[in-house]
């Protein structure tokens, strides 16, 4: 199967570290970005099997980032990892092209299960 590549975008250094550690345990190759613009730059430079993004970020927020990714790739799964749990925000995420919604804080085992389901 090889190492699956995941792009994780979050403005919180703590959250990026936690995501990287958790995905590392799962055996994934992780690329990190601190906002949507950096995420787009990195997305444009490589192929990814999954994109994980926060919603509330400076420079380019998660919804704008998801829309930009979708312009470039309609197939890559996109998961949001956010503190936002309101239905209207989830709806906007789905409309932008997100495939799933994970609420922070996450449990690592549960997070890895969701990743496996989405990538398969």
Protein backbone atom coordinates (compact mmCIF):
# COMPACT_ATOMS: atom_id res chain seq x y z
CA UNK A 1 0.00 0.00 0.00
CA UNK A 2 2.92 2.36 0.61
CA UNK A 3 2.81 5.39 2.79
CA UNK A 4 -0.30 7.44 2.28
CA UNK A 5 0.34 11.16 2.17
CA UNK A 6 -1.76 13.55 4.20
CA UNK A 7 -1.73 17.34 4.13
CA UNK A 8 -2.80 18.84 7.48
CA UNK A 9 -3.58 22.55 7.70
CA UNK A 10 -4.09 24.24 11.08
CA UNK A 11 -2.99 27.60 12.50
CA UNK A 12 -2.38 26.08 15.95
CA UNK A 13 1.16 24.73 16.35
CA UNK A 14 -0.06 22.49 19.18
CA UNK A 15 -2.80 21.01 17.00
CA UNK A 16 -0.41 20.51 14.05
CA UNK A 17 1.96 18.66 16.37
CA UNK A 18 -0.85 16.49 17.76
CA UNK A 19 -2.14 15.68 14.27
CA UNK A 20 1.37 14.85 13.06
CA UNK A 21 2.04 12.57 16.04
CA UNK A 22 -1.31 10.80 15.69
CA UNK A 23 -0.99 10.28 11.94
CA UNK A 24 2.63 9.18 12.41
CA UNK A 25 1.40 6.42 14.74
CA UNK A 26 -0.97 5.40 11.94
CA UNK A 27 1.97 5.16 9.55
CA UNK A 28 1.01 8.12 7.38
CA UNK A 29 3.38 10.59 5.77
CA UNK A 30 2.32 14.05 6.93
CA UNK A 31 2.90 17.49 5.45
CA UNK A 32 1.91 20.45 7.64
CA UNK A 33 0.77 23.96 6.77
CA UNK A 34 -0.15 26.79 9.13
CA UNK A 35 -2.89 28.44 7.04
CA UNK A 36 -4.93 27.92 3.89
CA UNK A 37 -2.56 29.83 1.62
CA UNK A 38 0.44 27.77 2.73
CA UNK A 39 -1.78 24.69 2.40
CA UNK A 40 -2.59 25.53 -1.23
CA UNK A 41 1.11 26.08 -1.98
CA UNK A 42 1.96 22.66 -0.55
CA UNK A 43 -1.07 21.00 -2.18
CA UNK A 44 0.08 22.35 -5.55
CA UNK A 45 3.57 20.88 -5.05
CA UNK A 46 2.65 17.25 -4.37
CA UNK A 47 0.00 14.53 -4.57
CA UNK A 48 -1.97 13.79 -1.39
CA UNK A 49 -4.30 10.96 -0.44
CA UNK A 50 -6.16 13.08 2.11
CA UNK A 51 -6.40 16.70 3.21
CA UNK A 52 -7.28 17.70 6.79
CA UNK A 53 -8.04 21.34 7.52
CA UNK A 54 -9.09 23.61 10.33
CA UNK A 55 -11.86 26.11 9.53
CA UNK A 56 -10.92 29.21 11.53
CA UNK A 57 -7.49 30.34 10.33
CA UNK A 58 -5.83 33.63 9.39
CA UNK A 59 -4.77 34.50 5.81
CA UNK A 60 -7.12 31.97 4.15
CA UNK A 61 -9.78 30.20 6.21
CA UNK A 62 -10.68 26.55 5.87
CA UNK A 63 -13.75 27.07 3.68
CA UNK A 64 -11.80 29.15 1.15
CA UNK A 65 -8.99 26.58 1.31
CA UNK A 66 -11.42 23.70 0.62
CA UNK A 67 -12.86 25.56 -2.39
CA UNK A 68 -9.35 26.15 -3.76
CA UNK A 69 -8.39 22.49 -3.31
CA UNK A 70 -11.60 21.45 -5.10
CA UNK A 71 -10.71 23.67 -8.08
CA UNK A 72 -7.48 21.67 -8.39
CA UNK A 73 -8.69 18.21 -7.39
CA UNK A 74 -12.28 17.00 -7.14
CA UNK A 75 -11.40 13.52 -5.86
CA UNK A 76 -9.08 13.95 -2.88
CA UNK A 77 -10.97 13.42 0.39
CA UNK A 78 -11.07 16.49 2.64
CA UNK A 79 -11.77 16.31 6.37
CA UNK A 80 -12.30 19.33 8.56
CA UNK A 81 -10.82 19.28 12.05
CA UNK A 82 -12.36 22.16 13.94
CA UNK A 83 -14.00 23.41 17.10
CA UNK A 84 -17.02 24.43 14.97
CA UNK A 85 -19.97 22.14 15.54
CA UNK A 86 -22.87 24.27 14.30
CA UNK A 87 -24.95 22.77 11.50
CA UNK A 88 -24.79 25.90 9.32
CA UNK A 89 -20.99 25.82 9.36
CA UNK A 90 -20.98 22.08 8.62
CA UNK A 91 -23.36 22.77 5.73
CA UNK A 92 -20.99 25.43 4.36
CA UNK A 93 -18.13 22.96 4.68
CA UNK A 94 -20.04 20.31 2.75
CA UNK A 95 -21.00 22.84 0.08
CA UNK A 96 -17.33 23.87 -0.23
CA UNK A 97 -16.42 20.21 -0.76
CA UNK A 98 -15.52 18.73 2.63
CA UNK A 99 -16.20 15.01 2.99
CA UNK A 100 -16.22 14.80 6.77
CA UNK A 101 -16.22 16.80 9.99
CA UNK A 102 -14.18 16.05 13.10
CA UNK A 103 -14.69 18.14 16.21
CA UNK A 104 -11.68 19.14 18.35
CA UNK A 105 -10.45 17.86 20.66
CA UNK A 106 -10.25 14.41 19.05
CA UNK A 107 -9.38 11.00 20.47
CA UNK A 108 -6.37 9.66 18.55
CA UNK A 109 -7.77 6.14 18.04
CA UNK A 110 -11.10 7.49 16.82
CA UNK A 111 -9.30 9.99 14.58
CA UNK A 112 -7.24 7.20 12.96
CA UNK A 113 -10.39 5.11 12.45
CA UNK A 114 -12.05 8.00 10.62
CA UNK A 115 -8.93 8.51 8.48
CA UNK A 116 -8.89 4.81 7.52
CA UNK A 117 -12.56 4.87 6.55
CA UNK A 118 -12.14 7.99 4.43
CA UNK A 119 -9.02 6.81 2.61
CA UNK A 120 -10.30 3.33 1.76
